[in-house]
Amino acid sequence: MAWVALIIAGLLEVFGVAMMNKWHKDHNWKAIVFLVLGFGLSLFFLSFAMKTLPMGTAYAIWTGIGASGGALVGMIFFGESKDWKRIVFITMVLSAAVGLKLIS
């Protein structure tokens, strides 16, 4: 259950980052509400996951999902560069997160 909560926390982190970008572009009050909600729920689920998982592992995976997901959302929805080098390094971050799961 802790791993599911951690993945949800990471996905909510990605959502919060996407809303941050949306707010930066539109200055829409709805984006601020969703930004706060996304980050708040992300921290809630991270806290829940850390009751079972080691702090270092949980934090590394949470930030890995957030960073990789944020980059992918930027490429897919916000027209950011899709250079193959970016994709290689995103893959490396995700591989490291999977590696931590395998050894935890």
PDB file of N, CA and C in Angstrom:
ATOM      1  N   MET A   1       0.818  -1.196   0.000  1.00  0.00           N
ATOM      2  CA  MET A   1       0.000   0.000   0.000  1.00  0.00           C
ATOM      3  C   MET A   1       0.865   1.264   0.000  1.00  0.00           C
ATOM      4  N   ALA A   2       2.015   1.192   0.665  1.00  0.00           N
ATOM      5  CA  ALA A   2       2.893   2.358   0.730  1.00  0.00           C
ATOM      6  C   ALA A   2       3.433   2.716  -0.648  1.00  0.00           C
ATOM      7  N   TRP A   3       3.731   1.703  -1.454  1.00  0.00           N
ATOM      8  CA  TRP A   3       4.236   1.967  -2.799  1.00  0.00           C
ATOM      9  C   TRP A   3       3.170   2.617  -3.665  1.00  0.00           C
ATOM     10  N   VAL A   4       1.930   2.198  -3.527  1.00  0.00           N
ATOM     11  CA  VAL A   4       0.832   2.813  -4.273  1.00  0.00           C
ATOM     12  C   VAL A   4       0.687   4.275  -3.861  1.00  0.00           C
ATOM     13  N   ALA A   5       0.733   4.529  -2.556  1.00  0.00           N
ATOM     14  CA  ALA A   5       0.647   5.903  -2.060  1.00  0.00           C
ATOM     15  C   ALA A   5       1.804   6.751  -2.586  1.00  0.00           C
ATOM     16  N   LEU A   6       2.976   6.160  -2.662  1.00  0.00           N
ATOM     17  CA  LEU A   6       4.142   6.891  -3.157  1.00  0.00           C
ATOM     18  C   LEU A   6       3.995   7.230  -4.641  1.00  0.00           C
ATOM     19  N   ILE A   7       3.483   6.311  -5.426  1.00  0.00           N
ATOM     20  CA  ILE A   7       3.261   6.583  -6.847  1.00  0.00           C
ATOM     21  C   ILE A   7       2.190   7.660  -7.020  1.00  0.00           C
ATOM     22  N   ILE A   8       1.125   7.587  -6.223  1.00  0.00           N
ATOM     23  CA  ILE A   8       0.093   8.629  -6.272  1.00  0.00           C
ATOM     24  C   ILE A   8       0.695   9.978  -5.888  1.00  0.00           C
ATOM     25  N   ALA A   9       1.543   9.990  -4.869  1.00  0.00           N
ATOM     26  CA  ALA A   9       2.197  11.233  -4.455  1.00  0.00           C
ATOM     27  C   ALA A   9       3.040  11.811  -5.583  1.00  0.00           C
ATOM     28  N   GLY A  10       3.766  10.956  -6.287  1.00  0.00           N
ATOM     29  CA  GLY A  10       4.576  11.419  -7.411  1.00  0.00           C
ATOM     30  C   GLY A  10       3.728  11.978  -8.544  1.00  0.00           C
ATOM     31  N   LEU A  11       2.630  11.304  -8.848  1.00  0.00           N
ATOM     32  CA  LEU A  11       1.747  11.780  -9.911  1.00  0.00           C
ATOM     33  C   LEU A  11       1.086  13.102  -9.537  1.00  0.00           C
ATOM     34  N   LEU A  12       0.740  13.251  -8.267  1.00  0.00           N
ATOM     35  CA  LEU A  12       0.183  14.533  -7.811  1.00  0.00           C
ATOM     36  C   LEU A  12       1.235  15.635  -7.854  1.00  0.00           C
ATOM     37  N   GLU A  13       2.476  15.285  -7.637  1.00  0.00           N
ATOM     38  CA  GLU A  13       3.572  16.246  -7.770  1.00  0.00           C
ATOM     39  C   GLU A  13       3.673  16.723  -9.223  1.00  0.00           C
ATOM     40  N   VAL A  14       3.556  15.808 -10.156  1.00  0.00           N
ATOM     41  CA  VAL A  14       3.576  16.156 -11.582  1.00  0.00           C
ATOM     42  C   VAL A  14       2.395  17.082 -11.900  1.00  0.00           C
ATOM     43  N   PHE A  15       1.236  16.758 -11.369  1.00  0.00           N
ATOM     44  CA  PHE A  15       0.054  17.601 -11.571  1.00  0.00           C
ATOM     45  C   PHE A  15       0.289  19.010 -11.022  1.00  0.00           C
ATOM     46  N   GLY A  16       0.869  19.094  -9.840  1.00  0.00           N
ATOM     47  CA  GLY A  16       1.164  20.404  -9.252  1.00  0.00           C
ATOM     48  C   GLY A  16       2.127  21.213 -10.106  1.00  0.00           C
ATOM     49  N   VAL A  17       3.138  20.561 -10.640  1.00  0.00           N
ATOM     50  CA  VAL A  17       4.105  21.239 -11.503  1.00  0.00           C
ATOM     51  C   VAL A  17       3.426  21.725 -12.783  1.00  0.00           C
ATOM     52  N   ALA A  18       2.557  20.898 -13.345  1.00  0.00           N
ATOM     53  CA  ALA A  18       1.826  21.296 -14.552  1.00  0.00           C
ATOM     54  C   ALA A  18       0.944  22.511 -14.265  1.00  0.00           C
ATOM     55  N   MET A  19       0.309  22.524 -13.112  1.00  0.00           N
ATOM     56  CA  MET A  19      -0.530  23.667 -12.744  1.00  0.00           C
ATOM     57  C   MET A  19       0.316  24.921 -12.487  1.00  0.00           C
ATOM     58  N   MET A  20       1.530  24.720 -11.987  1.00  0.00           N
ATOM     59  CA  MET A  20       2.432  25.852 -11.798  1.00  0.00           C
ATOM     60  C   MET A  20       2.764  26.483 -13.149  1.00  0.00           C
ATOM     61  N   ASN A  21       3.029  25.646 -14.131  1.00  0.00           N
ATOM     62  CA  ASN A  21       3.329  26.136 -15.473  1.00  0.00           C
ATOM     63  C   ASN A  21       2.103  26.816 -16.080  1.00  0.00           C
ATOM     64  N   LYS A  22       0.921  26.217 -15.875  1.00  0.00           N
ATOM     65  CA  LYS A  22      -0.317  26.804 -16.385  1.00  0.00           C
ATOM     66  C   LYS A  22      -0.567  28.161 -15.750  1.00  0.00           C
ATOM     67  N   TRP A  23      -0.373  28.276 -14.457  1.00  0.00           N
ATOM     68  CA  TRP A  23      -0.569  29.553 -13.779  1.00  0.00           C
ATOM     69  C   TRP A  23       0.424  30.590 -14.296  1.00  0.00           C
ATOM     70  N   HIS A  24       1.653  30.171 -14.512  1.00  0.00           N
ATOM     71  CA  HIS A  24       2.673  31.089 -15.017  1.00  0.00           C
ATOM     72  C   HIS A  24       2.283  31.656 -16.380  1.00  0.00           C
ATOM     73  N   LYS A  25       1.629  30.842 -17.200  1.00  0.00           N
ATOM     74  CA  LYS A  25       1.234  31.289 -18.540  1.00  0.00           C
ATOM     75  C   LYS A  25      -0.072  32.074 -18.536  1.00  0.00           C
ATOM     76  N   ASP A  26      -1.058  31.651 -17.736  1.00  0.00           N
ATOM     77  CA  ASP A  26      -2.407  32.226 -17.806  1.00  0.00           C
ATOM     78  C   ASP A  26      -2.779  33.131 -16.639  1.00  0.00           C
ATOM     79  N   HIS A  27      -2.132  32.990 -15.501  1.00  0.00           N
ATOM     80  CA  HIS A  27      -2.496  33.702 -14.261  1.00  0.00           C
ATOM     81  C   HIS A  27      -3.973  33.492 -13.933  1.00  0.00           C
ATOM     82  N   ASN A  28      -4.398  32.239 -14.042  1.00  0.00           N
ATOM     83  CA  ASN A  28      -5.769  31.836 -13.798  1.00  0.00           C
ATOM     84  C   ASN A  28      -5.891  31.389 -12.340  1.00  0.00           C
ATOM     85  N   TRP A  29      -6.913  31.866 -11.627  1.00  0.00           N
ATOM     86  CA  TRP A  29      -7.063  31.513 -10.213  1.00  0.00           C
ATOM     87  C   TRP A  29      -7.315  30.017 -10.027  1.00  0.00           C
ATOM     88  N   LYS A  30      -7.940  29.360 -11.007  1.00  0.00           N
ATOM     89  CA  LYS A  30      -8.183  27.920 -10.904  1.00  0.00           C
ATOM     90  C   LYS A  30      -6.865  27.147 -10.881  1.00  0.00           C
ATOM     91  N   ALA A  31      -5.903  27.624 -11.644  1.00  0.00           N
ATOM     92  CA  ALA A  31      -4.598  26.957 -11.666  1.00  0.00           C
ATOM     93  C   ALA A  31      -3.939  27.027 -10.292  1.00  0.00           C
ATOM     94  N   ILE A  32      -4.073  28.152  -9.600  1.00  0.00           N
ATOM     95  CA  ILE A  32      -3.504  28.288  -8.244  1.00  0.00           C
ATOM     96  C   ILE A  32      -4.181  27.313  -7.288  1.00  0.00           C
ATOM     97  N   VAL A  33      -5.498  27.202  -7.372  1.00  0.00           N
ATOM     98  CA  VAL A  33      -6.232  26.284  -6.495  1.00  0.00           C
ATOM     99  C   VAL A  33      -5.771  24.850  -6.745  1.00  0.00           C
ATOM    100  N   PHE A  34      -5.690  24.454  -8.022  1.00  0.00           N
ATOM    101  CA  PHE A  34      -5.252  23.100  -8.342  1.00  0.00           C
ATOM    102  C   PHE A  34      -3.786  22.880  -7.989  1.00  0.00           C
ATOM    103  N   LEU A  35      -2.962  23.914  -8.115  1.00  0.00           N
ATOM    104  CA  LEU A  35      -1.547  23.821  -7.733  1.00  0.00           C
ATOM    105  C   LEU A  35      -1.418  23.495  -6.250  1.00  0.00           C
ATOM    106  N   VAL A  36      -2.097  24.266  -5.423  1.00  0.00           N
ATOM    107  CA  VAL A  36      -2.040  24.046  -3.970  1.00  0.00           C
ATOM    108  C   VAL A  36      -2.621  22.685  -3.610  1.00  0.00           C
ATOM    109  N   LEU A  37      -3.735  22.339  -4.239  1.00  0.00           N
ATOM    110  CA  LEU A  37      -4.352  21.037  -3.981  1.00  0.00           C
ATOM    111  C   LEU A  37      -3.432  19.894  -4.394  1.00  0.00           C
ATOM    112  N   GLY A  38      -2.829  20.003  -5.569  1.00  0.00           N
ATOM    113  CA  GLY A  38      -1.928  18.954  -6.049  1.00  0.00           C
ATOM    114  C   GLY A  38      -0.729  18.760  -5.146  1.00  0.00           C
ATOM    115  N   PHE A  39      -0.053  19.857  -4.793  1.00  0.00           N
ATOM    116  CA  PHE A  39       1.124  19.740  -3.929  1.00  0.00           C
ATOM    117  C   PHE A  39       0.747  19.300  -2.520  1.00  0.00           C
ATOM    118  N   GLY A  40      -0.381  19.804  -2.011  1.00  0.00           N
ATOM    119  CA  GLY A  40      -0.817  19.411  -0.665  1.00  0.00           C
ATOM    120  C   GLY A  40      -1.120  17.922  -0.575  1.00  0.00           C
ATOM    121  N   LEU A  41      -1.879  17.417  -1.553  1.00  0.00           N
ATOM    122  CA  LEU A  41      -2.187  15.987  -1.558  1.00  0.00           C
ATOM    123  C   LEU A  41      -0.938  15.150  -1.810  1.00  0.00           C
ATOM    124  N   SER A  42      -0.036  15.673  -2.617  1.00  0.00           N
ATOM    125  CA  SER A  42       1.218  14.967  -2.870  1.00  0.00           C
ATOM    126  C   SER A  42       1.992  14.767  -1.565  1.00  0.00           C
ATOM    127  N   LEU A  43       2.098  15.822  -0.788  1.00  0.00           N
ATOM    128  CA  LEU A  43       2.811  15.714   0.495  1.00  0.00           C
ATOM    129  C   LEU A  43       2.079  14.796   1.469  1.00  0.00           C
ATOM    130  N   PHE A  44       0.747  14.816   1.435  1.00  0.00           N
ATOM    131  CA  PHE A  44      -0.027  13.926   2.292  1.00  0.00           C
ATOM    132  C   PHE A  44       0.279  12.459   1.963  1.00  0.00           C
ATOM    133  N   PHE A  45       0.234  12.108   0.669  1.00  0.00           N
ATOM    134  CA  PHE A  45       0.501  10.727   0.274  1.00  0.00           C
ATOM    135  C   PHE A  45       1.963  10.344   0.505  1.00  0.00           C
ATOM    136  N   LEU A  46       2.874  11.289   0.312  1.00  0.00           N
ATOM    137  CA  LEU A  46       4.286  11.021   0.613  1.00  0.00           C
ATOM    138  C   LEU A  46       4.461  10.724   2.099  1.00  0.00           C
ATOM    139  N   SER A  47       3.820  11.509   2.931  1.00  0.00           N
ATOM    140  CA  SER A  47       3.896  11.293   4.378  1.00  0.00           C
ATOM    141  C   SER A  47       3.352   9.913   4.750  1.00  0.00           C
ATOM    142  N   PHE A  48       2.249   9.528   4.137  1.00  0.00           N
ATOM    143  CA  PHE A  48       1.670   8.214   4.389  1.00  0.00           C
ATOM    144  C   PHE A  48       2.635   7.107   3.982  1.00  0.00           C
ATOM    145  N   ALA A  49       3.248   7.257   2.814  1.00  0.00           N
ATOM    146  CA  ALA A  49       4.183   6.238   2.328  1.00  0.00           C
ATOM    147  C   ALA A  49       5.403   6.123   3.226  1.00  0.00           C
ATOM    148  N   MET A  50       5.841   7.251   3.784  1.00  0.00           N
ATOM    149  CA  MET A  50       7.048   7.247   4.611  1.00  0.00           C
ATOM    150  C   MET A  50       6.826   6.616   5.980  1.00  0.00           C
ATOM    151  N   LYS A  51       5.599   6.286   6.325  1.00  0.00           N
ATOM    152  CA  LYS A  51       5.363   5.551   7.565  1.00  0.00           C
ATOM    153  C   LYS A  51       5.909   4.132   7.458  1.00  0.00           C
ATOM    154  N   THR A  52       6.004   3.620   6.223  1.00  0.00           N
ATOM    155  CA  THR A  52       6.467   2.263   5.988  1.00  0.00           C
ATOM    156  C   THR A  52       7.821   2.223   5.295  1.00  0.00           C
ATOM    157  N   LEU A  53       7.986   3.065   4.287  1.00  0.00           N
ATOM    158  CA  LEU A  53       9.201   3.051   3.465  1.00  0.00           C
ATOM    159  C   LEU A  53      10.295   3.914   4.088  1.00  0.00           C
ATOM    160  N   PRO A  54      11.556   3.569   3.847  1.00  0.00           N
ATOM    161  CA  PRO A  54      12.650   4.410   4.329  1.00  0.00           C
ATOM    162  C   PRO A  54      12.588   5.795   3.676  1.00  0.00           C
ATOM    163  N   MET A  55      12.937   6.809   4.449  1.00  0.00           N
ATOM    164  CA  MET A  55      12.851   8.187   3.983  1.00  0.00           C
ATOM    165  C   MET A  55      13.639   8.408   2.694  1.00  0.00           C
ATOM    166  N   GLY A  56      14.865   7.935   2.637  1.00  0.00           N
ATOM    167  CA  GLY A  56      15.703   8.159   1.464  1.00  0.00           C
ATOM    168  C   GLY A  56      15.120   7.553   0.207  1.00  0.00           C
ATOM    169  N   THR A  57      14.618   6.348   0.313  1.00  0.00           N
ATOM    170  CA  THR A  57      14.013   5.677  -0.833  1.00  0.00           C
ATOM    171  C   THR A  57      12.739   6.392  -1.261  1.00  0.00           C
ATOM    172  N   ALA A  58      11.870   6.696  -0.313  1.00  0.00           N
ATOM    173  CA  ALA A  58      10.603   7.354  -0.641  1.00  0.00           C
ATOM    174  C   ALA A  58      10.849   8.713  -1.281  1.00  0.00           C
ATOM    175  N   TYR A  59      11.752   9.494  -0.715  1.00  0.00           N
ATOM    176  CA  TYR A  59      12.005  10.823  -1.244  1.00  0.00           C
ATOM    177  C   TYR A  59      12.632  10.750  -2.633  1.00  0.00           C
ATOM    178  N   ALA A  60      13.565   9.835  -2.826  1.00  0.00           N
ATOM    179  CA  ALA A  60      14.219   9.703  -4.132  1.00  0.00           C
ATOM    180  C   ALA A  60      13.217   9.309  -5.213  1.00  0.00           C
ATOM    181  N   ILE A  61      12.337   8.390  -4.911  1.00  0.00           N
ATOM    182  CA  ILE A  61      11.353   7.962  -5.899  1.00  0.00           C
ATOM    183  C   ILE A  61      10.324   9.062  -6.149  1.00  0.00           C
ATOM    184  N   TRP A  62       9.893   9.735  -5.099  1.00  0.00           N
ATOM    185  CA  TRP A  62       8.937  10.839  -5.234  1.00  0.00           C
ATOM    186  C   TRP A  62       9.500  11.953  -6.117  1.00  0.00           C
ATOM    187  N   THR A  63      10.742  12.338  -5.857  1.00  0.00           N
ATOM    188  CA  THR A  63      11.340  13.397  -6.679  1.00  0.00           C
ATOM    189  C   THR A  63      11.627  12.897  -8.091  1.00  0.00           C
ATOM    190  N   GLY A  64      11.981  11.620  -8.232  1.00  0.00           N
ATOM    191  CA  GLY A  64      12.213  11.065  -9.565  1.00  0.00           C
ATOM    192  C   GLY A  64      10.962  11.072 -10.415  1.00  0.00           C
ATOM    193  N   ILE A  65       9.846  10.647  -9.824  1.00  0.00           N
ATOM    194  CA  ILE A  65       8.572  10.681 -10.550  1.00  0.00           C
ATOM    195  C   ILE A  65       8.202  12.120 -10.873  1.00  0.00           C
ATOM    196  N   GLY A  66       8.380  13.009  -9.917  1.00  0.00           N
ATOM    197  CA  GLY A  66       8.042  14.412 -10.137  1.00  0.00           C
ATOM    198  C   GLY A  66       8.885  15.063 -11.217  1.00  0.00           C
ATOM    199  N   ALA A  67      10.188  14.834 -11.174  1.00  0.00           N
ATOM    200  CA  ALA A  67      11.084  15.450 -12.158  1.00  0.00           C
ATOM    201  C   ALA A  67      10.867  14.860 -13.549  1.00  0.00           C
ATOM    202  N   SER A  68      10.809  13.546 -13.631  1.00  0.00           N
ATOM    203  CA  SER A  68      10.602  12.901 -14.936  1.00  0.00           C
ATOM    204  C   SER A  68       9.221  13.218 -15.490  1.00  0.00           C
ATOM    205  N   GLY A  69       8.234  13.105 -14.637  1.00  0.00           N
ATOM    206  CA  GLY A  69       6.870  13.399 -15.072  1.00  0.00           C
ATOM    207  C   GLY A  69       6.699  14.843 -15.488  1.00  0.00           C
ATOM    208  N   GLY A  70       7.311  15.749 -14.740  1.00  0.00           N
ATOM    209  CA  GLY A  70       7.240  17.164 -15.094  1.00  0.00           C
ATOM    210  C   GLY A  70       7.869  17.432 -16.451  1.00  0.00           C
ATOM    211  N   ALA A  71       9.006  16.805 -16.706  1.00  0.00           N
ATOM    212  CA  ALA A  71       9.671  16.972 -18.006  1.00  0.00           C
ATOM    213  C   ALA A  71       8.816  16.391 -19.132  1.00  0.00           C
ATOM    214  N   LEU A  72       8.222  15.215 -18.894  1.00  0.00           N
ATOM    215  CA  LEU A  72       7.375  14.602 -19.924  1.00  0.00           C
ATOM    216  C   LEU A  72       6.116  15.424 -20.190  1.00  0.00           C
ATOM    217  N   VAL A  73       5.488  15.923 -19.134  1.00  0.00           N
ATOM    218  CA  VAL A  73       4.306  16.772 -19.306  1.00  0.00           C
ATOM    219  C   VAL A  73       4.684  18.038 -20.072  1.00  0.00           C
ATOM    220  N   GLY A  74       5.840  18.603 -19.770  1.00  0.00           N
ATOM    221  CA  GLY A  74       6.300  19.779 -20.496  1.00  0.00           C
ATOM    222  C   GLY A  74       6.496  19.492 -21.973  1.00  0.00           C
ATOM    223  N   MET A  75       7.052  18.334 -22.274  1.00  0.00           N
ATOM    224  CA  MET A  75       7.270  17.972 -23.676  1.00  0.00           C
ATOM    225  C   MET A  75       5.957  17.693 -24.398  1.00  0.00           C
ATOM    226  N   ILE A  76       5.028  17.016 -23.731  1.00  0.00           N
ATOM    227  CA  ILE A  76       3.785  16.603 -24.382  1.00  0.00           C
ATOM    228  C   ILE A  76       2.780  17.753 -24.486  1.00  0.00           C
ATOM    229  N   PHE A  77       2.598  18.499 -23.403  1.00  0.00           N
ATOM    230  CA  PHE A  77       1.522  19.485 -23.363  1.00  0.00           C
ATOM    231  C   PHE A  77       1.963  20.938 -23.510  1.00  0.00           C
ATOM    232  N   PHE A  78       3.222  21.238 -23.248  1.00  0.00           N
ATOM    233  CA  PHE A  78       3.652  22.635 -23.244  1.00  0.00           C
ATOM    234  C   PHE A  78       4.718  22.948 -24.289  1.00  0.00           C
ATOM    235  N   GLY A  79       4.948  22.041 -25.229  1.00  0.00           N
ATOM    236  CA  GLY A  79       5.827  22.311 -26.350  1.00  0.00           C
ATOM    237  C   GLY A  79       7.308  22.431 -26.026  1.00  0.00           C
ATOM    238  N   GLU A  80       7.751  21.810 -24.934  1.00  0.00           N
ATOM    239  CA  GLU A  80       9.173  21.851 -24.605  1.00  0.00           C
ATOM    240  C   GLU A  80       9.950  20.894 -25.514  1.00  0.00           C
ATOM    241  N   SER A  81      11.241  21.076 -25.562  1.00  0.00           N
ATOM    242  CA  SER A  81      12.117  20.295 -26.440  1.00  0.00           C
ATOM    243  C   SER A  81      11.973  18.790 -26.195  1.00  0.00           C
ATOM    244  N   LYS A  82      11.928  18.046 -27.293  1.00  0.00           N
ATOM    245  CA  LYS A  82      11.862  16.581 -27.228  1.00  0.00           C
ATOM    246  C   LYS A  82      13.173  15.974 -27.700  1.00  0.00           C
ATOM    247  N   ASP A  83      14.255  16.653 -27.437  1.00  0.00           N
ATOM    248  CA  ASP A  83      15.583  16.197 -27.845  1.00  0.00           C
ATOM    249  C   ASP A  83      15.863  14.809 -27.261  1.00  0.00           C
ATOM    250  N   TRP A  84      16.510  13.957 -28.029  1.00  0.00           N
ATOM    251  CA  TRP A  84      16.765  12.583 -27.595  1.00  0.00           C
ATOM    252  C   TRP A  84      17.612  12.537 -26.337  1.00  0.00           C
ATOM    253  N   LYS A  85      18.460  13.530 -26.113  1.00  0.00           N
ATOM    254  CA  LYS A  85      19.292  13.547 -24.898  1.00  0.00           C
ATOM    255  C   LYS A  85      18.424  13.722 -23.653  1.00  0.00           C
ATOM    256  N   ARG A  86      17.415  14.559 -23.738  1.00  0.00           N
ATOM    257  CA  ARG A  86      16.485  14.729 -22.605  1.00  0.00           C
ATOM    258  C   ARG A  86      15.794  13.410 -22.297  1.00  0.00           C
ATOM    259  N   ILE A  87      15.363  12.721 -23.335  1.00  0.00           N
ATOM    260  CA  ILE A  87      14.655  11.454 -23.142  1.00  0.00           C
ATOM    261  C   ILE A  87      15.572  10.408 -22.524  1.00  0.00           C
ATOM    262  N   VAL A  88      16.849  10.390 -22.918  1.00  0.00           N
ATOM    263  CA  VAL A  88      17.812   9.453 -22.332  1.00  0.00           C
ATOM    264  C   VAL A  88      17.962   9.724 -20.833  1.00  0.00           C
ATOM    265  N   PHE A  89      18.100  10.976 -20.456  1.00  0.00           N
ATOM    266  CA  PHE A  89      18.294  11.279 -19.033  1.00  0.00           C
ATOM    267  C   PHE A  89      17.023  11.075 -18.217  1.00  0.00           C
ATOM    268  N   ILE A  90      15.861  11.326 -18.795  1.00  0.00           N
ATOM    269  CA  ILE A  90      14.606  11.009 -18.103  1.00  0.00           C
ATOM    270  C   ILE A  90      14.528   9.502 -17.869  1.00  0.00           C
ATOM    271  N   THR A  91      14.916   8.731 -18.859  1.00  0.00           N
ATOM    272  CA  THR A  91      14.936   7.275 -18.722  1.00  0.00           C
ATOM    273  C   THR A  91      15.894   6.841 -17.619  1.00  0.00           C
ATOM    274  N   MET A  92      17.032   7.514 -17.507  1.00  0.00           N
ATOM    275  CA  MET A  92      17.988   7.185 -16.447  1.00  0.00           C
ATOM    276  C   MET A  92      17.392   7.454 -15.070  1.00  0.00           C
ATOM    277  N   VAL A  93      16.678   8.561 -14.911  1.00  0.00           N
ATOM    278  CA  VAL A  93      16.047   8.874 -13.625  1.00  0.00           C
ATOM    279  C   VAL A  93      15.004   7.814 -13.288  1.00  0.00           C
ATOM    280  N   LEU A  94      14.177   7.467 -14.252  1.00  0.00           N
ATOM    281  CA  LEU A  94      13.153   6.446 -14.006  1.00  0.00           C
ATOM    282  C   LEU A  94      13.776   5.082 -13.712  1.00  0.00           C
ATOM    283  N   SER A  95      14.868   4.752 -14.393  1.00  0.00           N
ATOM    284  CA  SER A  95      15.567   3.489 -14.127  1.00  0.00           C
ATOM    285  C   SER A  95      16.120   3.448 -12.708  1.00  0.00           C
ATOM    286  N   ALA A  96      16.620   4.572 -12.241  1.00  0.00           N
ATOM    287  CA  ALA A  96      17.131   4.635 -10.871  1.00  0.00           C
ATOM    288  C   ALA A  96      16.005   4.433  -9.866  1.00  0.00           C
ATOM    289  N   ALA A  97      14.821   5.010 -10.146  1.00  0.00           N
ATOM    290  CA  ALA A  97      13.678   4.819  -9.249  1.00  0.00           C
ATOM    291  C   ALA A  97      13.262   3.354  -9.212  1.00  0.00           C
ATOM    292  N   VAL A  98      13.233   2.716 -10.359  1.00  0.00           N
ATOM    293  CA  VAL A  98      12.891   1.286 -10.402  1.00  0.00           C
ATOM    294  C   VAL A  98      13.952   0.480  -9.653  1.00  0.00           C
ATOM    295  N   GLY A  99      15.208   0.834  -9.815  1.00  0.00           N
ATOM    296  CA  GLY A  99      16.279   0.151  -9.099  1.00  0.00           C
ATOM    297  C   GLY A  99      16.126   0.266  -7.591  1.00  0.00           C
ATOM    298  N   LEU A 100      15.739   1.432  -7.114  1.00  0.00           N
ATOM    299  CA  LEU A 100      15.500   1.585  -5.668  1.00  0.00           C
ATOM    300  C   LEU A 100      14.344   0.714  -5.195  1.00  0.00           C
ATOM    301  N   LYS A 101      13.317   0.609  -6.009  1.00  0.00           N
ATOM    302  CA  LYS A 101      12.200  -0.252  -5.649  1.00  0.00           C
ATOM    303  C   LYS A 101      12.640  -1.717  -5.560  1.00  0.00           C
ATOM    304  N   LEU A 102      13.492  -2.116  -6.504  1.00  0.00           N
ATOM    305  CA  LEU A 102      13.933  -3.509  -6.539  1.00  0.00           C
ATOM    306  C   LEU A 102      14.796  -3.890  -5.333  1.00  0.00           C
ATOM    307  N   ILE A 103      15.548  -2.950  -4.804  1.00  0.00           N
ATOM    308  CA  ILE A 103      16.419  -3.282  -3.682  1.00  0.00           C
ATOM    309  C   ILE A 103      15.811  -2.948  -2.328  1.00  0.00           C
ATOM    310  N   SER A 104      14.626  -2.334  -2.314  1.00  0.00           N
ATOM    311  CA  SER A 104      13.987  -1.961  -1.032  1.00  0.00           C
ATOM    312  C   SER A 104      13.050  -3.042  -0.560  1.00  0.00           C
TER     313      SER A 104
END
